[in-house]
N, C-alpha and C. Protein backbone atom coordinates (compact mmCIF):
# COMPACT_ATOMS: atom_id res chain seq x y z
N MET A 1 75.13 86.62 98.71
CA MET A 1 76.42 87.27 98.87
C MET A 1 76.97 86.91 100.23
N LYS A 2 78.29 86.64 100.26
CA LYS A 2 78.97 86.40 101.52
C LYS A 2 79.80 87.65 101.84
N VAL A 3 79.86 87.99 103.12
CA VAL A 3 80.65 89.11 103.58
C VAL A 3 81.58 88.61 104.67
N LYS A 4 82.86 88.81 104.47
CA LYS A 4 83.85 88.50 105.51
C LYS A 4 84.38 89.82 106.03
N VAL A 5 84.23 90.03 107.32
CA VAL A 5 84.70 91.26 107.96
C VAL A 5 86.02 90.92 108.66
N PHE A 6 87.08 91.57 108.23
CA PHE A 6 88.39 91.33 108.82
C PHE A 6 88.60 92.22 110.03
N LYS A 7 89.32 91.71 110.99
CA LYS A 7 89.73 92.50 112.13
C LYS A 7 90.71 93.54 111.59
N ALA A 8 90.36 94.80 111.72
CA ALA A 8 91.16 95.86 111.09
C ALA A 8 91.50 96.97 112.08
N ARG A 9 91.61 96.63 113.33
CA ARG A 9 91.91 97.60 114.38
C ARG A 9 90.90 98.72 114.32
N ASP A 10 91.31 99.93 113.93
CA ASP A 10 90.38 101.05 113.86
C ASP A 10 90.00 101.40 112.42
N GLY A 11 90.28 100.50 111.49
CA GLY A 11 89.96 100.74 110.09
C GLY A 11 88.89 99.78 109.61
N ASP A 12 88.77 99.68 108.31
CA ASP A 12 87.79 98.79 107.71
C ASP A 12 88.44 97.92 106.66
N CYS A 13 87.95 96.68 106.55
CA CYS A 13 88.37 95.78 105.49
C CYS A 13 87.33 94.67 105.38
N LEU A 14 86.71 94.59 104.21
CA LEU A 14 85.66 93.61 103.94
C LEU A 14 85.99 92.85 102.66
N LEU A 15 85.66 91.57 102.65
CA LEU A 15 85.76 90.78 101.43
C LEU A 15 84.34 90.34 101.08
N LEU A 16 83.85 90.81 99.95
CA LEU A 16 82.52 90.44 99.47
C LEU A 16 82.68 89.39 98.39
N THR A 17 81.89 88.34 98.48
CA THR A 17 81.87 87.31 97.45
C THR A 17 80.45 87.19 96.95
N THR A 18 80.24 87.48 95.67
CA THR A 18 78.90 87.45 95.11
C THR A 18 78.46 86.01 94.86
N SER A 19 77.19 85.84 94.59
CA SER A 19 76.67 84.51 94.30
C SER A 19 77.27 83.95 93.00
N GLU A 20 77.80 84.84 92.15
CA GLU A 20 78.47 84.41 90.91
C GLU A 20 79.94 84.08 91.15
N GLY A 21 80.43 84.25 92.39
CA GLY A 21 81.81 83.93 92.70
C GLY A 21 82.79 85.07 92.49
N ARG A 22 82.30 86.28 92.29
CA ARG A 22 83.20 87.43 92.15
C ARG A 22 83.62 87.90 93.55
N ASN A 23 84.90 88.25 93.67
CA ASN A 23 85.45 88.70 94.95
C ASN A 23 85.80 90.17 94.89
N ILE A 24 85.33 90.91 95.89
CA ILE A 24 85.57 92.35 95.96
C ILE A 24 86.13 92.66 97.34
N LEU A 25 87.33 93.23 97.37
CA LEU A 25 87.93 93.67 98.62
C LEU A 25 87.63 95.14 98.80
N VAL A 26 87.00 95.48 99.91
CA VAL A 26 86.64 96.87 100.20
C VAL A 26 87.54 97.36 101.33
N ASP A 27 88.42 98.29 101.00
CA ASP A 27 89.40 98.84 101.92
C ASP A 27 90.35 97.75 102.40
N GLY A 28 91.39 98.15 103.11
CA GLY A 28 92.41 97.20 103.52
C GLY A 28 92.81 97.29 104.97
N GLY A 29 92.14 98.18 105.72
CA GLY A 29 92.55 98.37 107.10
C GLY A 29 93.96 98.93 107.17
N ARG A 30 94.51 98.92 108.35
CA ARG A 30 95.91 99.34 108.52
C ARG A 30 96.85 98.24 108.06
N ALA A 31 98.05 98.59 107.74
CA ALA A 31 99.03 97.64 107.21
C ALA A 31 99.25 96.47 108.17
N THR A 32 99.36 96.74 109.45
CA THR A 32 99.59 95.65 110.41
C THR A 32 98.39 94.71 110.48
N SER A 33 97.21 95.24 110.43
CA SER A 33 96.00 94.40 110.42
C SER A 33 95.93 93.58 109.14
N TYR A 34 96.30 94.21 108.03
CA TYR A 34 96.32 93.50 106.75
C TYR A 34 97.26 92.29 106.86
N GLU A 35 98.48 92.52 107.35
CA GLU A 35 99.47 91.44 107.47
C GLU A 35 98.94 90.29 108.31
N GLN A 36 98.32 90.61 109.43
CA GLN A 36 97.88 89.58 110.37
C GLN A 36 96.61 88.87 109.94
N HIS A 37 95.65 89.59 109.38
CA HIS A 37 94.32 89.03 109.19
C HIS A 37 93.89 88.85 107.73
N VAL A 38 94.34 89.72 106.85
CA VAL A 38 93.86 89.69 105.47
C VAL A 38 94.79 88.88 104.56
N ALA A 39 96.10 89.11 104.69
CA ALA A 39 97.07 88.45 103.81
C ALA A 39 96.92 86.93 103.80
N PRO A 40 96.72 86.26 104.96
CA PRO A 40 96.56 84.81 104.92
C PRO A 40 95.33 84.37 104.10
N THR A 41 94.24 85.09 104.22
CA THR A 41 93.04 84.76 103.45
C THR A 41 93.27 84.95 101.96
N LEU A 42 93.92 86.07 101.60
CA LEU A 42 94.19 86.32 100.19
C LEU A 42 95.19 85.31 99.63
N GLY A 43 96.15 84.90 100.46
CA GLY A 43 97.08 83.86 100.03
C GLY A 43 96.37 82.55 99.74
N ALA A 44 95.41 82.20 100.58
CA ALA A 44 94.63 80.98 100.36
C ALA A 44 93.78 81.11 99.10
N MET A 45 93.27 82.31 98.83
CA MET A 45 92.52 82.53 97.59
C MET A 45 93.41 82.29 96.39
N HIS A 46 94.62 82.85 96.43
CA HIS A 46 95.55 82.65 95.32
C HIS A 46 95.86 81.17 95.13
N ALA A 47 96.15 80.49 96.22
CA ALA A 47 96.48 79.06 96.14
C ALA A 47 95.32 78.26 95.56
N GLY A 48 94.10 78.73 95.78
CA GLY A 48 92.91 78.05 95.25
C GLY A 48 92.52 78.50 93.86
N GLY A 49 93.32 79.38 93.25
CA GLY A 49 93.03 79.83 91.89
C GLY A 49 92.01 80.95 91.81
N GLU A 50 91.67 81.54 92.94
CA GLU A 50 90.70 82.64 92.92
C GLU A 50 91.39 83.97 92.62
N VAL A 51 90.62 84.95 92.24
CA VAL A 51 91.12 86.30 91.96
C VAL A 51 90.33 87.31 92.78
N LEU A 52 90.92 88.48 92.94
CA LEU A 52 90.17 89.63 93.43
C LEU A 52 89.68 90.36 92.19
N ASP A 53 88.40 90.28 91.93
CA ASP A 53 87.87 90.93 90.74
C ASP A 53 87.98 92.44 90.83
N LEU A 54 87.87 92.95 92.05
CA LEU A 54 87.91 94.40 92.25
C LEU A 54 88.40 94.71 93.65
N VAL A 55 89.24 95.73 93.76
CA VAL A 55 89.64 96.29 95.04
C VAL A 55 89.06 97.70 95.08
N CYS A 56 88.26 97.98 96.10
CA CYS A 56 87.64 99.29 96.26
C CYS A 56 88.27 100.01 97.44
N VAL A 57 88.69 101.23 97.21
CA VAL A 57 89.24 102.06 98.27
C VAL A 57 88.25 103.19 98.50
N SER A 58 87.63 103.20 99.69
CA SER A 58 86.58 104.19 99.95
C SER A 58 87.15 105.59 100.08
N HIS A 59 88.30 105.71 100.73
CA HIS A 59 88.99 106.99 100.85
C HIS A 59 90.41 106.73 101.33
N ILE A 60 91.24 107.76 101.33
CA ILE A 60 92.66 107.54 101.51
C ILE A 60 93.16 107.75 102.94
N ASP A 61 92.29 107.68 103.92
CA ASP A 61 92.77 107.69 105.30
C ASP A 61 93.59 106.43 105.54
N ASP A 62 94.62 106.55 106.37
CA ASP A 62 95.55 105.46 106.61
C ASP A 62 94.86 104.17 107.06
N ASP A 63 93.80 104.29 107.85
CA ASP A 63 93.12 103.09 108.37
C ASP A 63 92.26 102.38 107.32
N HIS A 64 92.23 102.90 106.12
CA HIS A 64 91.51 102.26 105.02
C HIS A 64 92.44 101.87 103.87
N ILE A 65 93.50 102.64 103.66
CA ILE A 65 94.33 102.44 102.46
C ILE A 65 95.67 101.76 102.73
N SER A 66 96.21 101.85 103.94
CA SER A 66 97.56 101.31 104.13
C SER A 66 97.61 99.80 103.93
N GLY A 67 96.53 99.09 104.22
CA GLY A 67 96.48 97.66 103.92
C GLY A 67 96.49 97.40 102.42
N ILE A 68 95.83 98.27 101.65
CA ILE A 68 95.83 98.13 100.19
C ILE A 68 97.23 98.39 99.64
N VAL A 69 97.91 99.37 100.19
CA VAL A 69 99.28 99.65 99.77
C VAL A 69 100.14 98.42 100.05
N ARG A 70 99.95 97.79 101.21
CA ARG A 70 100.71 96.58 101.54
C ARG A 70 100.38 95.45 100.57
N LEU A 71 99.11 95.30 100.22
CA LEU A 71 98.69 94.30 99.23
C LEU A 71 99.45 94.50 97.92
N LEU A 72 99.50 95.73 97.44
CA LEU A 72 100.20 96.03 96.19
C LEU A 72 101.70 95.80 96.33
N ASP A 73 102.26 96.11 97.49
CA ASP A 73 103.67 95.81 97.73
C ASP A 73 103.93 94.31 97.62
N HIS A 74 103.02 93.51 98.19
CA HIS A 74 103.17 92.06 98.11
C HIS A 74 103.07 91.57 96.66
N LYS A 75 102.14 92.13 95.89
CA LYS A 75 102.03 91.74 94.48
C LYS A 75 103.33 92.02 93.74
N VAL A 76 103.91 93.18 93.99
CA VAL A 76 105.16 93.55 93.32
C VAL A 76 106.28 92.60 93.76
N SER A 77 106.38 92.32 95.06
CA SER A 77 107.43 91.42 95.55
C SER A 77 107.35 90.05 94.89
N TRP A 78 106.13 89.53 94.74
CA TRP A 78 105.97 88.22 94.10
C TRP A 78 106.28 88.28 92.61
N LYS A 79 105.93 89.39 91.94
CA LYS A 79 106.27 89.54 90.52
C LYS A 79 107.79 89.58 90.34
N VAL A 80 108.47 90.29 91.22
CA VAL A 80 109.93 90.35 91.16
C VAL A 80 110.51 88.95 91.37
N HIS A 81 109.98 88.23 92.34
CA HIS A 81 110.47 86.87 92.61
C HIS A 81 110.29 85.97 91.38
N ARG A 82 109.11 85.99 90.78
CA ARG A 82 108.88 85.16 89.59
C ARG A 82 109.81 85.57 88.45
N PHE A 83 110.00 86.87 88.27
CA PHE A 83 110.91 87.35 87.22
C PHE A 83 112.33 86.84 87.48
N GLN A 84 112.78 86.94 88.70
CA GLN A 84 114.12 86.47 89.04
C GLN A 84 114.27 84.98 88.74
N ARG A 85 113.29 84.19 89.14
CA ARG A 85 113.35 82.75 88.90
C ARG A 85 113.32 82.44 87.41
N GLU A 86 112.42 83.11 86.68
CA GLU A 86 112.31 82.87 85.24
C GLU A 86 113.56 83.34 84.49
N SER A 87 114.31 84.26 85.08
CA SER A 87 115.55 84.76 84.47
C SER A 87 116.76 83.91 84.86
N GLY A 88 116.51 82.82 85.57
CA GLY A 88 117.60 81.91 85.91
C GLY A 88 118.18 82.07 87.29
N ASN A 89 117.69 83.00 88.06
CA ASN A 89 118.21 83.20 89.41
C ASN A 89 117.47 82.25 90.37
N THR A 90 117.85 81.00 90.36
CA THR A 90 117.16 79.99 91.18
C THR A 90 117.44 80.16 92.66
N ALA A 91 118.42 80.99 93.03
CA ALA A 91 118.72 81.23 94.43
C ALA A 91 117.81 82.31 95.04
N HIS A 92 117.05 83.02 94.19
CA HIS A 92 116.20 84.09 94.71
C HIS A 92 115.12 83.49 95.62
N GLN A 93 115.06 84.01 96.83
CA GLN A 93 114.12 83.49 97.81
C GLN A 93 112.74 84.12 97.64
N PRO A 94 111.67 83.33 97.81
CA PRO A 94 110.33 83.90 97.70
C PRO A 94 110.05 84.85 98.86
N PRO A 95 109.15 85.78 98.66
CA PRO A 95 108.77 86.68 99.75
C PRO A 95 108.24 85.87 100.94
N SER A 96 108.34 86.45 102.10
CA SER A 96 107.90 85.76 103.32
C SER A 96 106.39 85.84 103.52
N THR A 97 105.71 86.60 102.68
CA THR A 97 104.26 86.76 102.80
C THR A 97 103.55 85.88 101.79
N PRO A 98 102.31 85.48 102.09
CA PRO A 98 101.55 84.68 101.12
C PRO A 98 101.33 85.49 99.84
N GLU A 99 101.33 84.80 98.69
CA GLU A 99 101.10 85.49 97.44
C GLU A 99 99.62 85.84 97.30
N PRO A 100 99.32 87.13 97.11
CA PRO A 100 97.92 87.53 96.92
C PRO A 100 97.41 87.10 95.55
N PRO A 101 96.09 87.03 95.41
CA PRO A 101 95.52 86.69 94.10
C PRO A 101 95.70 87.84 93.11
N ASP A 102 95.51 87.53 91.82
CA ASP A 102 95.52 88.58 90.81
C ASP A 102 94.40 89.57 91.10
N ILE A 103 94.62 90.80 90.69
CA ILE A 103 93.67 91.89 90.92
C ILE A 103 93.11 92.32 89.58
N GLY A 104 91.79 92.20 89.43
CA GLY A 104 91.15 92.57 88.17
C GLY A 104 91.04 94.06 87.97
N GLY A 105 90.91 94.83 89.04
CA GLY A 105 90.78 96.27 88.92
C GLY A 105 90.83 96.94 90.27
N ILE A 106 91.13 98.22 90.25
CA ILE A 106 91.16 99.02 91.47
C ILE A 106 90.26 100.22 91.25
N TRP A 107 89.39 100.48 92.22
CA TRP A 107 88.44 101.59 92.11
C TRP A 107 88.54 102.46 93.35
N HIS A 108 88.53 103.77 93.14
CA HIS A 108 88.52 104.73 94.23
C HIS A 108 87.40 105.70 93.95
N ASN A 109 86.53 105.91 94.91
CA ASN A 109 85.30 106.63 94.64
C ASN A 109 85.42 108.13 94.47
N VAL A 110 86.53 108.73 94.81
CA VAL A 110 86.63 110.19 94.67
C VAL A 110 87.85 110.62 93.88
N PHE A 111 88.35 109.76 93.02
CA PHE A 111 89.56 110.09 92.28
C PHE A 111 89.41 111.40 91.52
N SER A 112 88.30 111.58 90.83
CA SER A 112 88.11 112.82 90.05
C SER A 112 88.08 114.05 90.94
N ASP A 113 87.51 113.89 92.15
CA ASP A 113 87.48 115.03 93.07
C ASP A 113 88.90 115.42 93.50
N ILE A 114 89.73 114.42 93.75
CA ILE A 114 91.10 114.68 94.18
C ILE A 114 91.91 115.28 93.02
N ALA A 115 91.72 114.75 91.82
CA ALA A 115 92.50 115.19 90.67
C ALA A 115 92.04 116.53 90.12
N GLY A 116 90.85 116.96 90.47
CA GLY A 116 90.34 118.24 90.01
C GLY A 116 90.11 118.28 88.51
N ASP A 117 90.43 119.42 87.88
CA ASP A 117 90.19 119.61 86.45
C ASP A 117 90.98 118.65 85.57
N ASN A 118 92.05 118.10 86.08
CA ASN A 118 92.87 117.17 85.31
C ASN A 118 92.38 115.73 85.41
N GLY A 119 91.31 115.49 86.16
CA GLY A 119 90.84 114.14 86.41
C GLY A 119 90.62 113.30 85.16
N ASP A 120 89.92 113.83 84.16
CA ASP A 120 89.65 113.06 82.95
C ASP A 120 90.93 112.72 82.19
N ALA A 121 91.84 113.67 82.10
CA ALA A 121 93.11 113.41 81.41
C ALA A 121 93.92 112.34 82.13
N ILE A 122 93.91 112.39 83.45
CA ILE A 122 94.65 111.40 84.23
C ILE A 122 94.02 110.03 84.07
N VAL A 123 92.69 109.96 84.12
CA VAL A 123 92.01 108.68 83.94
C VAL A 123 92.32 108.10 82.57
N ASP A 124 92.30 108.93 81.53
CA ASP A 124 92.65 108.45 80.19
C ASP A 124 94.09 107.93 80.16
N HIS A 125 94.98 108.66 80.78
CA HIS A 125 96.38 108.26 80.83
C HIS A 125 96.54 106.93 81.57
N LEU A 126 95.88 106.79 82.71
CA LEU A 126 95.95 105.55 83.46
C LEU A 126 95.33 104.39 82.69
N GLY A 127 94.26 104.67 81.97
CA GLY A 127 93.58 103.63 81.21
C GLY A 127 94.48 102.99 80.16
N THR A 128 95.38 103.79 79.58
CA THR A 128 96.28 103.24 78.57
C THR A 128 97.35 102.35 79.20
N ARG A 129 97.50 102.43 80.52
CA ARG A 129 98.49 101.63 81.23
C ARG A 129 97.84 100.69 82.23
N ALA A 130 96.58 100.41 82.05
CA ALA A 130 95.80 99.65 83.03
C ALA A 130 96.37 98.27 83.33
N THR A 131 96.83 97.56 82.34
CA THR A 131 97.36 96.22 82.57
C THR A 131 98.54 96.26 83.53
N TYR A 132 99.41 97.24 83.37
CA TYR A 132 100.57 97.35 84.25
C TYR A 132 100.16 97.81 85.64
N LEU A 133 99.26 98.79 85.71
CA LEU A 133 98.88 99.35 87.00
C LEU A 133 98.04 98.41 87.84
N SER A 134 97.22 97.61 87.21
CA SER A 134 96.37 96.71 87.99
C SER A 134 97.12 95.48 88.45
N LEU A 135 98.33 95.29 87.97
CA LEU A 135 99.16 94.15 88.36
C LEU A 135 98.44 92.84 88.09
N SER A 136 97.72 92.80 87.00
CA SER A 136 96.89 91.65 86.71
C SER A 136 97.17 91.13 85.31
N GLN A 137 97.05 89.81 85.18
CA GLN A 137 97.13 89.21 83.86
C GLN A 137 95.87 89.53 83.08
N ARG A 138 94.79 89.85 83.78
CA ARG A 138 93.49 90.06 83.17
C ARG A 138 93.34 91.47 82.61
N GLY A 139 94.11 92.42 83.12
CA GLY A 139 94.10 93.78 82.59
C GLY A 139 92.90 94.59 83.02
N GLY A 140 92.99 95.88 82.83
CA GLY A 140 91.89 96.80 83.06
C GLY A 140 91.77 97.28 84.47
N LEU A 141 91.33 98.50 84.60
CA LEU A 141 90.98 99.07 85.90
C LEU A 141 89.47 99.10 85.98
N GLY A 142 88.93 98.72 87.12
CA GLY A 142 87.48 98.59 87.29
C GLY A 142 86.74 99.86 87.23
């Protein structure tokens, strides 16, 4: 297994690559750290045809999740750009950030604790919309 530790100011962000070639992003650091240190690596992964098999969010403190929120914002921006181009809007400019790889799934270790008694119902509801929520062609939440 390879571990890449990103400079994340006072947060955490790790990219794990298994011997089978699966990529797992653990936390995202702060948004500014993500932009400077993580986004270029993920853009290179996308350009090389790699995917993020799983994104793990350990907890929702800003120094762990705001980079993940920025990652998802970038995925949406690129999807909008592709939609605009495919719809004939050839003047639509691409986002200024590197395109992140597809995301196979997103996992958060305490979702049920946060959701309380409604956790199972929410998970079932999200599961029926997994392809849309994971922003992936591959579908499913991890």
